[in-house]
Amino acid sequence: MTDEEYLCRLEQQREAITKDILERFRTKRRNLYIAGYNLLDSINAKYRIKRVDKKNQYCDLEAAFVSDIFHELMEKGLIVTAETRNGTGFRAAKSDEIPKDEKSA
């Protein structure tokens, strides 16, 4: 499978990946954030298709793709960030925090 085919398959799953990211970062309280390293690993693993590149090394195109979606969600205000004692924390925005233009989308 070429990189282009792989990215096309990931693009077809964009909506499901977005839903999984928002679910992963859903919290019960506004003051509860998820912090730490490798926060997107479980989502990356879910959408990973094991394949080998030309150098016989595993490719991580899905990690970059999922990370791009995560940053898009932050820019749209659907992922909220805050500094915590464990570093930067993330959580899904509550319904009243979502920008109006995103609610209608």
PDB file of N, CA and C in Angstrom:
ATOM      1  N   MET A   1       0.858  -1.174   0.000  1.00  0.00           N
ATOM      2  CA  MET A   1       0.000   0.000   0.000  1.00  0.00           C
ATOM      3  C   MET A   1       0.899   1.231   0.000  1.00  0.00           C
ATOM      4  N   THR A   2       0.646   2.124  -0.933  1.00  0.00           N
ATOM      5  CA  THR A   2       1.449   3.343  -1.019  1.00  0.00           C
ATOM      6  C   THR A   2       1.021   4.333   0.073  1.00  0.00           C
ATOM      7  N   ASP A   3       1.869   5.333   0.286  1.00  0.00           N
ATOM      8  CA  ASP A   3       1.533   6.375   1.260  1.00  0.00           C
ATOM      9  C   ASP A   3       0.240   7.084   0.867  1.00  0.00           C
ATOM     10  N   GLU A   4       0.069   7.325  -0.429  1.00  0.00           N
ATOM     11  CA  GLU A   4      -1.127   8.024  -0.902  1.00  0.00           C
ATOM     12  C   GLU A   4      -2.389   7.204  -0.630  1.00  0.00           C
ATOM     13  N   GLU A   5      -2.313   5.900  -0.871  1.00  0.00           N
ATOM     14  CA  GLU A   5      -3.458   5.023  -0.605  1.00  0.00           C
ATOM     15  C   GLU A   5      -3.775   4.985   0.891  1.00  0.00           C
ATOM     16  N   TYR A   6      -2.722   4.943   1.692  1.00  0.00           N
ATOM     17  CA  TYR A   6      -2.888   4.910   3.142  1.00  0.00           C
ATOM     18  C   TYR A   6      -3.548   6.193   3.638  1.00  0.00           C
ATOM     19  N   LEU A   7      -3.058   7.333   3.155  1.00  0.00           N
ATOM     20  CA  LEU A   7      -3.643   8.617   3.555  1.00  0.00           C
ATOM     21  C   LEU A   7      -5.086   8.739   3.075  1.00  0.00           C
ATOM     22  N   CYS A   8      -5.376   8.191   1.902  1.00  0.00           N
ATOM     23  CA  CYS A   8      -6.749   8.206   1.388  1.00  0.00           C
ATOM     24  C   CYS A   8      -7.660   7.388   2.303  1.00  0.00           C
ATOM     25  N   ARG A   9      -7.179   6.245   2.753  1.00  0.00           N
ATOM     26  CA  ARG A   9      -7.971   5.413   3.659  1.00  0.00           C
ATOM     27  C   ARG A   9      -8.187   6.126   4.993  1.00  0.00           C
ATOM     28  N   LEU A  10      -7.153   6.785   5.501  1.00  0.00           N
ATOM     29  CA  LEU A  10      -7.304   7.544   6.746  1.00  0.00           C
ATOM     30  C   LEU A  10      -8.293   8.689   6.558  1.00  0.00           C
ATOM     31  N   GLU A  11      -8.217   9.356   5.426  1.00  0.00           N
ATOM     32  CA  GLU A  11      -9.134  10.466   5.148  1.00  0.00           C
ATOM     33  C   GLU A  11     -10.585   9.981   5.129  1.00  0.00           C
ATOM     34  N   GLN A  12     -10.815   8.789   4.635  1.00  0.00           N
ATOM     35  CA  GLN A  12     -12.159   8.208   4.628  1.00  0.00           C
ATOM     36  C   GLN A  12     -12.664   7.966   6.050  1.00  0.00           C
ATOM     37  N   GLN A  13     -11.741   7.807   6.993  1.00  0.00           N
ATOM     38  CA  GLN A  13     -12.103   7.542   8.384  1.00  0.00           C
ATOM     39  C   GLN A  13     -12.012   8.788   9.257  1.00  0.00           C
ATOM     40  N   ARG A  14     -11.850   9.959   8.660  1.00  0.00           N
ATOM     41  CA  ARG A  14     -11.665  11.209   9.407  1.00  0.00           C
ATOM     42  C   ARG A  14     -12.764  11.442  10.443  1.00  0.00           C
ATOM     43  N   GLU A  15     -14.006  11.233  10.061  1.00  0.00           N
ATOM     44  CA  GLU A  15     -15.122  11.473  10.980  1.00  0.00           C
ATOM     45  C   GLU A  15     -15.047  10.545  12.197  1.00  0.00           C
ATOM     46  N   ALA A  16     -14.739   9.284  11.972  1.00  0.00           N
ATOM     47  CA  ALA A  16     -14.625   8.325  13.078  1.00  0.00           C
ATOM     48  C   ALA A  16     -13.435   8.663  13.968  1.00  0.00           C
ATOM     49  N   ILE A  17     -12.331   9.075  13.373  1.00  0.00           N
ATOM     50  CA  ILE A  17     -11.147   9.463  14.151  1.00  0.00           C
ATOM     51  C   ILE A  17     -11.468  10.679  15.008  1.00  0.00           C
ATOM     52  N   THR A  18     -12.143  11.664  14.428  1.00  0.00           N
ATOM     53  CA  THR A  18     -12.534  12.868  15.174  1.00  0.00           C
ATOM     54  C   THR A  18     -13.427  12.493  16.352  1.00  0.00           C
ATOM     55  N   LYS A  19     -14.393  11.634  16.113  1.00  0.00           N
ATOM     56  CA  LYS A  19     -15.296  11.194  17.180  1.00  0.00           C
ATOM     57  C   LYS A  19     -14.517  10.489  18.290  1.00  0.00           C
ATOM     58  N   ASP A  20     -13.566   9.633  17.914  1.00  0.00           N
ATOM     59  CA  ASP A  20     -12.764   8.918  18.909  1.00  0.00           C
ATOM     60  C   ASP A  20     -11.899   9.868  19.733  1.00  0.00           C
ATOM     61  N   ILE A  21     -11.337  10.886  19.089  1.00  0.00           N
ATOM     62  CA  ILE A  21     -10.519  11.868  19.816  1.00  0.00           C
ATOM     63  C   ILE A  21     -11.386  12.602  20.837  1.00  0.00           C
ATOM     64  N   LEU A  22     -12.549  13.076  20.411  1.00  0.00           N
ATOM     65  CA  LEU A  22     -13.423  13.815  21.330  1.00  0.00           C
ATOM     66  C   LEU A  22     -13.883  12.917  22.480  1.00  0.00           C
ATOM     67  N   GLU A  23     -14.146  11.662  22.199  1.00  0.00           N
ATOM     68  CA  GLU A  23     -14.547  10.720  23.252  1.00  0.00           C
ATOM     69  C   GLU A  23     -13.395  10.465  24.220  1.00  0.00           C
ATOM     70  N   ARG A  24     -12.185  10.340  23.682  1.00  0.00           N
ATOM     71  CA  ARG A  24     -10.993  10.071  24.513  1.00  0.00           C
ATOM     72  C   ARG A  24     -10.751  11.212  25.497  1.00  0.00           C
ATOM     73  N   PHE A  25     -11.077  12.438  25.110  1.00  0.00           N
ATOM     74  CA  PHE A  25     -10.792  13.597  25.949  1.00  0.00           C
ATOM     75  C   PHE A  25     -12.026  14.139  26.666  1.00  0.00           C
ATOM     76  N   ARG A  26     -13.105  13.388  26.666  1.00  0.00           N
ATOM     77  CA  ARG A  26     -14.307  13.795  27.396  1.00  0.00           C
ATOM     78  C   ARG A  26     -14.053  13.605  28.896  1.00  0.00           C
ATOM     79  N   THR A  27     -14.392  14.612  29.694  1.00  0.00           N
ATOM     80  CA  THR A  27     -14.246  14.534  31.150  1.00  0.00           C
ATOM     81  C   THR A  27     -15.575  14.893  31.804  1.00  0.00           C
ATOM     82  N   LYS A  28     -15.721  14.518  33.063  1.00  0.00           N
ATOM     83  CA  LYS A  28     -16.963  14.790  33.783  1.00  0.00           C
ATOM     84  C   LYS A  28     -17.046  16.221  34.282  1.00  0.00           C
ATOM     85  N   ARG A  29     -15.877  16.839  34.498  1.00  0.00           N
ATOM     86  CA  ARG A  29     -15.877  18.188  35.065  1.00  0.00           C
ATOM     87  C   ARG A  29     -15.046  19.139  34.208  1.00  0.00           C
ATOM     88  N   ARG A  30     -15.389  20.416  34.304  1.00  0.00           N
ATOM     89  CA  ARG A  30     -14.651  21.438  33.559  1.00  0.00           C
ATOM     90  C   ARG A  30     -13.223  21.612  34.060  1.00  0.00           C
ATOM     91  N   ASN A  31     -12.978  21.316  35.315  1.00  0.00           N
ATOM     92  CA  ASN A  31     -11.640  21.518  35.870  1.00  0.00           C
ATOM     93  C   ASN A  31     -10.805  20.235  35.835  1.00  0.00           C
ATOM     94  N   LEU A  32     -11.256  19.238  35.109  1.00  0.00           N
ATOM     95  CA  LEU A  32     -10.527  17.973  34.984  1.00  0.00           C
ATOM     96  C   LEU A  32      -9.932  17.898  33.584  1.00  0.00           C
ATOM     97  N   TYR A  33      -8.613  17.757  33.512  1.00  0.00           N
ATOM     98  CA  TYR A  33      -7.911  17.701  32.234  1.00  0.00           C
ATOM     99  C   TYR A  33      -7.089  16.429  32.155  1.00  0.00           C
ATOM    100  N   ILE A  34      -6.839  15.980  30.949  1.00  0.00           N
ATOM    101  CA  ILE A  34      -6.026  14.788  30.712  1.00  0.00           C
ATOM    102  C   ILE A  34      -4.653  15.267  30.287  1.00  0.00           C
ATOM    103  N   ALA A  35      -3.635  14.893  31.056  1.00  0.00           N
ATOM    104  CA  ALA A  35      -2.270  15.311  30.771  1.00  0.00           C
ATOM    105  C   ALA A  35      -1.374  14.087  30.718  1.00  0.00           C
ATOM    106  N   GLY A  36      -0.238  14.243  30.096  1.00  0.00           N
ATOM    107  CA  GLY A  36       0.728  13.156  30.031  1.00  0.00           C
ATOM    108  C   GLY A  36       1.299  13.026  28.633  1.00  0.00           C
ATOM    109  N   TYR A  37       2.080  11.998  28.466  1.00  0.00           N
ATOM    110  CA  TYR A  37       2.714  11.744  27.177  1.00  0.00           C
ATOM    111  C   TYR A  37       1.904  10.728  26.383  1.00  0.00           C
ATOM    112  N   ASN A  38       2.059  10.766  25.095  1.00  0.00           N
ATOM    113  CA  ASN A  38       1.458   9.772  24.204  1.00  0.00           C
ATOM    114  C   ASN A  38      -0.053   9.657  24.381  1.00  0.00           C
ATOM    115  N   LEU A  39      -0.726  10.771  24.473  1.00  0.00           N
ATOM    116  CA  LEU A  39      -2.164  10.769  24.717  1.00  0.00           C
ATOM    117  C   LEU A  39      -2.975  10.219  23.548  1.00  0.00           C
ATOM    118  N   LEU A  40      -2.411  10.246  22.370  1.00  0.00           N
ATOM    119  CA  LEU A  40      -3.146   9.796  21.193  1.00  0.00           C
ATOM    120  C   LEU A  40      -2.753   8.384  20.759  1.00  0.00           C
ATOM    121  N   ASP A  41      -1.909   7.706  21.545  1.00  0.00           N
ATOM    122  CA  ASP A  41      -1.423   6.376  21.156  1.00  0.00           C
ATOM    123  C   ASP A  41      -2.534   5.365  20.918  1.00  0.00           C
ATOM    124  N   SER A  42      -3.551   5.360  21.772  1.00  0.00           N
ATOM    125  CA  SER A  42      -4.624   4.372  21.605  1.00  0.00           C
ATOM    126  C   SER A  42      -5.404   4.613  20.313  1.00  0.00           C
ATOM    127  N   ILE A  43      -5.563   5.872  19.944  1.00  0.00           N
ATOM    128  CA  ILE A  43      -6.269   6.190  18.701  1.00  0.00           C
ATOM    129  C   ILE A  43      -5.381   5.852  17.500  1.00  0.00           C
ATOM    130  N   ASN A  44      -4.094   6.173  17.606  1.00  0.00           N
ATOM    131  CA  ASN A  44      -3.164   5.807  16.538  1.00  0.00           C
ATOM    132  C   ASN A  44      -3.188   4.297  16.308  1.00  0.00           C
ATOM    133  N   ALA A  45      -3.135   3.543  17.388  1.00  0.00           N
ATOM    134  CA  ALA A  45      -3.113   2.080  17.275  1.00  0.00           C
ATOM    135  C   ALA A  45      -4.399   1.548  16.636  1.00  0.00           C
ATOM    136  N   LYS A  46      -5.510   2.167  16.958  1.00  0.00           N
ATOM    137  CA  LYS A  46      -6.800   1.712  16.418  1.00  0.00           C
ATOM    138  C   LYS A  46      -6.848   1.844  14.896  1.00  0.00           C
ATOM    139  N   TYR A  47      -6.259   2.883  14.357  1.00  0.00           N
ATOM    140  CA  TYR A  47      -6.345   3.151  12.921  1.00  0.00           C
ATOM    141  C   TYR A  47      -5.071   2.779  12.158  1.00  0.00           C
ATOM    142  N   ARG A  48      -4.103   2.190  12.848  1.00  0.00           N
ATOM    143  CA  ARG A  48      -2.838   1.807  12.209  1.00  0.00           C
ATOM    144  C   ARG A  48      -3.046   0.596  11.314  1.00  0.00           C
ATOM    145  N   ILE A  49      -2.491   0.680  10.142  1.00  0.00           N
ATOM    146  CA  ILE A  49      -2.407  -0.470   9.251  1.00  0.00           C
ATOM    147  C   ILE A  49      -0.925  -0.803   9.176  1.00  0.00           C
ATOM    148  N   LYS A  50      -0.566  -1.972   9.635  1.00  0.00           N
ATOM    149  CA  LYS A  50       0.849  -2.325   9.668  1.00  0.00           C
ATOM    150  C   LYS A  50       1.344  -2.539   8.257  1.00  0.00           C
ATOM    151  N   ARG A  51       2.384  -1.809   7.951  1.00  0.00           N
ATOM    152  CA  ARG A  51       3.023  -1.925   6.649  1.00  0.00           C
ATOM    153  C   ARG A  51       4.471  -1.514   6.790  1.00  0.00           C
ATOM    154  N   VAL A  52       5.291  -1.863   5.846  1.00  0.00           N
ATOM    155  CA  VAL A  52       6.719  -1.587   5.900  1.00  0.00           C
ATOM    156  C   VAL A  52       7.062  -0.631   4.777  1.00  0.00           C
ATOM    157  N   ASP A  53       7.887   0.382   5.087  1.00  0.00           N
ATOM    158  CA  ASP A  53       8.280   1.307   4.022  1.00  0.00           C
ATOM    159  C   ASP A  53       9.497   0.757   3.282  1.00  0.00           C
ATOM    160  N   LYS A  54      10.039   1.546   2.383  1.00  0.00           N
ATOM    161  CA  LYS A  54      11.138   1.097   1.528  1.00  0.00           C
ATOM    162  C   LYS A  54      12.407   0.767   2.306  1.00  0.00           C
ATOM    163  N   LYS A  55      12.545   1.309   3.493  1.00  0.00           N
ATOM    164  CA  LYS A  55      13.743   1.073   4.305  1.00  0.00           C
ATOM    165  C   LYS A  55      13.520  -0.033   5.329  1.00  0.00           C
ATOM    166  N   ASN A  56      12.447  -0.817   5.146  1.00  0.00           N
ATOM    167  CA  ASN A  56      12.094  -1.893   6.083  1.00  0.00           C
ATOM    168  C   ASN A  56      11.856  -1.383   7.496  1.00  0.00           C
ATOM    169  N   GLN A  57      11.298  -0.188   7.595  1.00  0.00           N
ATOM    170  CA  GLN A  57      10.921   0.371   8.882  1.00  0.00           C
ATOM    171  C   GLN A  57       9.426   0.608   8.867  1.00  0.00           C
ATOM    172  N   TYR A  58       8.819   0.525  10.038  1.00  0.00           N
ATOM    173  CA  TYR A  58       7.384   0.770  10.106  1.00  0.00           C
ATOM    174  C   TYR A  58       7.091   2.251   9.913  1.00  0.00           C
ATOM    175  N   CYS A  59       5.995   2.532   9.235  1.00  0.00           N
ATOM    176  CA  CYS A  59       5.579   3.910   8.967  1.00  0.00           C
ATOM    177  C   CYS A  59       4.552   4.347  10.003  1.00  0.00           C
ATOM    178  N   ASP A  60       4.566   5.604  10.323  1.00  0.00           N
ATOM    179  CA  ASP A  60       3.610   6.145  11.280  1.00  0.00           C
ATOM    180  C   ASP A  60       2.820   7.297  10.675  1.00  0.00           C
ATOM    181  N   LEU A  61       2.320   7.108   9.476  1.00  0.00           N
ATOM    182  CA  LEU A  61       1.525   8.162   8.858  1.00  0.00           C
ATOM    183  C   LEU A  61       0.270   8.461   9.662  1.00  0.00           C
ATOM    184  N   GLU A  62      -0.296   7.432  10.296  1.00  0.00           N
ATOM    185  CA  GLU A  62      -1.523   7.667  11.059  1.00  0.00           C
ATOM    186  C   GLU A  62      -1.269   8.570  12.258  1.00  0.00           C
ATOM    187  N   ALA A  63      -0.072   8.505  12.832  1.00  0.00           N
ATOM    188  CA  ALA A  63       0.241   9.366  13.977  1.00  0.00           C
ATOM    189  C   ALA A  63       0.211  10.839  13.557  1.00  0.00           C
ATOM    190  N   ALA A  64       0.793  11.147  12.421  1.00  0.00           N
ATOM    191  CA  ALA A  64       0.778  12.527  11.925  1.00  0.00           C
ATOM    192  C   ALA A  64      -0.639  12.944  11.550  1.00  0.00           C
ATOM    193  N   PHE A  65      -1.399  12.037  10.945  1.00  0.00           N
ATOM    194  CA  PHE A  65      -2.767  12.334  10.536  1.00  0.00           C
ATOM    195  C   PHE A  65      -3.648  12.611  11.755  1.00  0.00           C
ATOM    196  N   VAL A  66      -3.571  11.745  12.757  1.00  0.00           N
ATOM    197  CA  VAL A  66      -4.373  11.915  13.979  1.00  0.00           C
ATOM    198  C   VAL A  66      -3.952  13.184  14.712  1.00  0.00           C
ATOM    199  N   SER A  67      -2.656  13.449  14.756  1.00  0.00           N
ATOM    200  CA  SER A  67      -2.159  14.669  15.399  1.00  0.00           C
ATOM    201  C   SER A  67      -2.686  15.920  14.695  1.00  0.00           C
ATOM    202  N   ASP A  68      -2.734  15.885  13.368  1.00  0.00           N
ATOM    203  CA  ASP A  68      -3.282  17.026  12.614  1.00  0.00           C
ATOM    204  C   ASP A  68      -4.748  17.256  12.954  1.00  0.00           C
ATOM    205  N   ILE A  69      -5.523  16.186  13.036  1.00  0.00           N
ATOM    206  CA  ILE A  69      -6.938  16.315  13.395  1.00  0.00           C
ATOM    207  C   ILE A  69      -7.062  16.881  14.805  1.00  0.00           C
ATOM    208  N   PHE A  70      -6.241  16.400  15.735  1.00  0.00           N
ATOM    209  CA  PHE A  70      -6.260  16.886  17.114  1.00  0.00           C
ATOM    210  C   PHE A  70      -5.991  18.392  17.149  1.00  0.00           C
ATOM    211  N   HIS A  71      -4.992  18.859  16.401  1.00  0.00           N
ATOM    212  CA  HIS A  71      -4.679  20.288  16.383  1.00  0.00           C
ATOM    213  C   HIS A  71      -5.796  21.100  15.721  1.00  0.00           C
ATOM    214  N   GLU A  72      -6.439  20.542  14.708  1.00  0.00           N
ATOM    215  CA  GLU A  72      -7.597  21.215  14.102  1.00  0.00           C
ATOM    216  C   GLU A  72      -8.717  21.389  15.130  1.00  0.00           C
ATOM    217  N   LEU A  73      -8.948  20.351  15.933  1.00  0.00           N
ATOM    218  CA  LEU A  73      -9.987  20.424  16.970  1.00  0.00           C
ATOM    219  C   LEU A  73      -9.646  21.484  18.010  1.00  0.00           C
ATOM    220  N   MET A  74      -8.358  21.608  18.345  1.00  0.00           N
ATOM    221  CA  MET A  74      -7.942  22.653  19.288  1.00  0.00           C
ATOM    222  C   MET A  74      -8.176  24.029  18.684  1.00  0.00           C
ATOM    223  N   GLU A  75      -7.843  24.210  17.417  1.00  0.00           N
ATOM    224  CA  GLU A  75      -8.039  25.501  16.756  1.00  0.00           C
ATOM    225  C   GLU A  75      -9.515  25.878  16.678  1.00  0.00           C
ATOM    226  N   LYS A  76     -10.373  24.882  16.511  1.00  0.00           N
ATOM    227  CA  LYS A  76     -11.815  25.126  16.423  1.00  0.00           C
ATOM    228  C   LYS A  76     -12.456  25.309  17.790  1.00  0.00           C
ATOM    229  N   GLY A  77     -11.705  25.097  18.862  1.00  0.00           N
ATOM    230  CA  GLY A  77     -12.244  25.245  20.209  1.00  0.00           C
ATOM    231  C   GLY A  77     -12.979  24.008  20.712  1.00  0.00           C
ATOM    232  N   LEU A  78     -12.843  22.887  20.030  1.00  0.00           N
ATOM    233  CA  LEU A  78     -13.511  21.660  20.466  1.00  0.00           C
ATOM    234  C   LEU A  78     -12.671  20.876  21.477  1.00  0.00           C
ATOM    235  N   ILE A  79     -11.376  21.196  21.542  1.00  0.00           N
ATOM    236  CA  ILE A  79     -10.486  20.668  22.582  1.00  0.00           C
ATOM    237  C   ILE A  79      -9.977  21.874  23.363  1.00  0.00           C
ATOM    238  N   VAL A  80     -10.144  21.832  24.674  1.00  0.00           N
ATOM    239  CA  VAL A  80      -9.744  22.924  25.567  1.00  0.00           C
ATOM    240  C   VAL A  80      -8.433  22.531  26.241  1.00  0.00           C
ATOM    241  N   THR A  81      -7.525  23.485  26.391  1.00  0.00           N
ATOM    242  CA  THR A  81      -6.246  23.221  27.055  1.00  0.00           C
ATOM    243  C   THR A  81      -6.103  24.080  28.299  1.00  0.00           C
ATOM    244  N   ALA A  82      -5.296  23.591  29.222  1.00  0.00           N
ATOM    245  CA  ALA A  82      -4.976  24.351  30.432  1.00  0.00           C
ATOM    246  C   ALA A  82      -3.672  23.806  30.996  1.00  0.00           C
ATOM    247  N   GLU A  83      -2.966  24.662  31.709  1.00  0.00           N
ATOM    248  CA  GLU A  83      -1.755  24.209  32.388  1.00  0.00           C
ATOM    249  C   GLU A  83      -2.152  23.516  33.687  1.00  0.00           C
ATOM    250  N   THR A  84      -1.629  22.328  33.901  1.00  0.00           N
ATOM    251  CA  THR A  84      -1.877  21.572  35.126  1.00  0.00           C
ATOM    252  C   THR A  84      -0.539  21.319  35.803  1.00  0.00           C
ATOM    253  N   ARG A  85      -0.557  20.742  36.974  1.00  0.00           N
ATOM    254  CA  ARG A  85       0.708  20.445  37.650  1.00  0.00           C
ATOM    255  C   ARG A  85       1.490  19.355  36.917  1.00  0.00           C
ATOM    256  N   ASN A  86       0.828  18.635  36.011  1.00  0.00           N
ATOM    257  CA  ASN A  86       1.484  17.590  35.219  1.00  0.00           C
ATOM    258  C   ASN A  86       1.801  18.047  33.805  1.00  0.00           C
ATOM    259  N   GLY A  87       1.723  19.341  33.558  1.00  0.00           N
ATOM    260  CA  GLY A  87       1.979  19.870  32.216  1.00  0.00           C
ATOM    261  C   GLY A  87       0.684  20.310  31.564  1.00  0.00           C
ATOM    262  N   THR A  88       0.722  20.480  30.267  1.00  0.00           N
ATOM    263  CA  THR A  88      -0.465  20.910  29.540  1.00  0.00           C
ATOM    264  C   THR A  88      -1.504  19.798  29.553  1.00  0.00           C
ATOM    265  N   GLY A  89      -2.736  20.162  29.916  1.00  0.00           N
ATOM    266  CA  GLY A  89      -3.829  19.199  29.947  1.00  0.00           C
ATOM    267  C   GLY A  89      -4.843  19.514  28.866  1.00  0.00           C
ATOM    268  N   PHE A  90      -5.565  18.501  28.466  1.00  0.00           N
ATOM    269  CA  PHE A  90      -6.545  18.635  27.388  1.00  0.00           C
ATOM    270  C   PHE A  90      -7.865  18.017  27.816  1.00  0.00           C
ATOM    271  N   ARG A  91      -8.947  18.548  27.282  1.00  0.00           N
ATOM    272  CA  ARG A  91     -10.260  17.929  27.465  1.00  0.00           C
ATOM    273  C   ARG A  91     -11.168  18.387  26.339  1.00  0.00           C
ATOM    274  N   ALA A  92     -12.206  17.612  26.071  1.00  0.00           N
ATOM    275  CA  ALA A  92     -13.196  18.005  25.079  1.00  0.00           C
ATOM    276  C   ALA A  92     -14.020  19.148  25.644  1.00  0.00           C
ATOM    277  N   ALA A  93     -14.359  20.110  24.815  1.00  0.00           N
ATOM    278  CA  ALA A  93     -15.165  21.253  25.240  1.00  0.00           C
ATOM    279  C   ALA A  93     -16.568  20.782  25.611  1.00  0.00           C
ATOM    280  N   LYS A  94     -17.108  21.377  26.644  1.00  0.00           N
ATOM    281  CA  LYS A  94     -18.497  21.122  27.021  1.00  0.00           C
ATOM    282  C   LYS A  94     -19.415  21.826  26.019  1.00  0.00           C
ATOM    283  N   SER A  95     -20.661  21.420  25.956  1.00  0.00           N
ATOM    284  CA  SER A  95     -21.570  21.936  24.915  1.00  0.00           C
ATOM    285  C   SER A  95     -21.692  23.459  24.933  1.00  0.00           C
ATOM    286  N   ASP A  96     -21.672  24.078  26.116  1.00  0.00           N
ATOM    287  CA  ASP A  96     -21.807  25.539  26.159  1.00  0.00           C
ATOM    288  C   ASP A  96     -20.485  26.264  25.868  1.00  0.00           C
ATOM    289  N   GLU A  97     -19.400  25.525  25.721  1.00  0.00           N
ATOM    290  CA  GLU A  97     -18.108  26.125  25.398  1.00  0.00           C
ATOM    291  C   GLU A  97     -17.793  26.069  23.902  1.00  0.00           C
ATOM    292  N   ILE A  98     -18.563  25.293  23.169  1.00  0.00           N
ATOM    293  CA  ILE A  98     -18.306  25.111  21.749  1.00  0.00           C
ATOM    294  C   ILE A  98     -18.689  26.388  21.003  1.00  0.00           C
ATOM    295  N   PRO A  99     -17.787  26.906  20.160  1.00  0.00           N
ATOM    296  CA  PRO A  99     -18.119  28.107  19.402  1.00  0.00           C
ATOM    297  C   PRO A  99     -19.376  27.906  18.549  1.00  0.00           C
ATOM    298  N   LYS A 100     -20.162  28.950  18.417  1.00  0.00           N
ATOM    299  CA  LYS A 100     -21.433  28.859  17.702  1.00  0.00           C
ATOM    300  C   LYS A 100     -21.279  28.360  16.269  1.00  0.00           C
ATOM    301  N   ASP A 101     -20.233  28.794  15.577  1.00  0.00           N
ATOM    302  CA  ASP A 101     -20.048  28.352  14.192  1.00  0.00           C
ATOM    303  C   ASP A 101     -19.732  26.857  14.109  1.00  0.00           C
ATOM    304  N   GLU A 102     -19.193  26.265  15.164  1.00  0.00           N
ATOM    305  CA  GLU A 102     -18.914  24.836  15.168  1.00  0.00           C
ATOM    306  C   GLU A 102     -20.159  24.021  15.516  1.00  0.00           C
ATOM    307  N   LYS A 103     -21.063  24.587  16.304  1.00  0.00           N
ATOM    308  CA  LYS A 103     -22.306  23.888  16.646  1.00  0.00           C
ATOM    309  C   LYS A 103     -23.153  23.664  15.408  1.00  0.00           C
ATOM    310  N   SER A 104     -23.146  24.627  14.518  1.00  0.00           N
ATOM    311  CA  SER A 104     -23.977  24.513  13.324  1.00  0.00           C
ATOM    312  C   SER A 104     -23.339  23.639  12.249  1.00  0.00           C
ATOM    313  N   ALA A 105     -22.041  23.372  12.379  1.00  0.00           N
ATOM    314  CA  ALA A 105     -21.338  22.570  11.367  1.00  0.00           C
ATOM    315  C   ALA A 105     -21.642  21.111  11.488  1.00  0.00           C
TER     316      ALA A 105
END
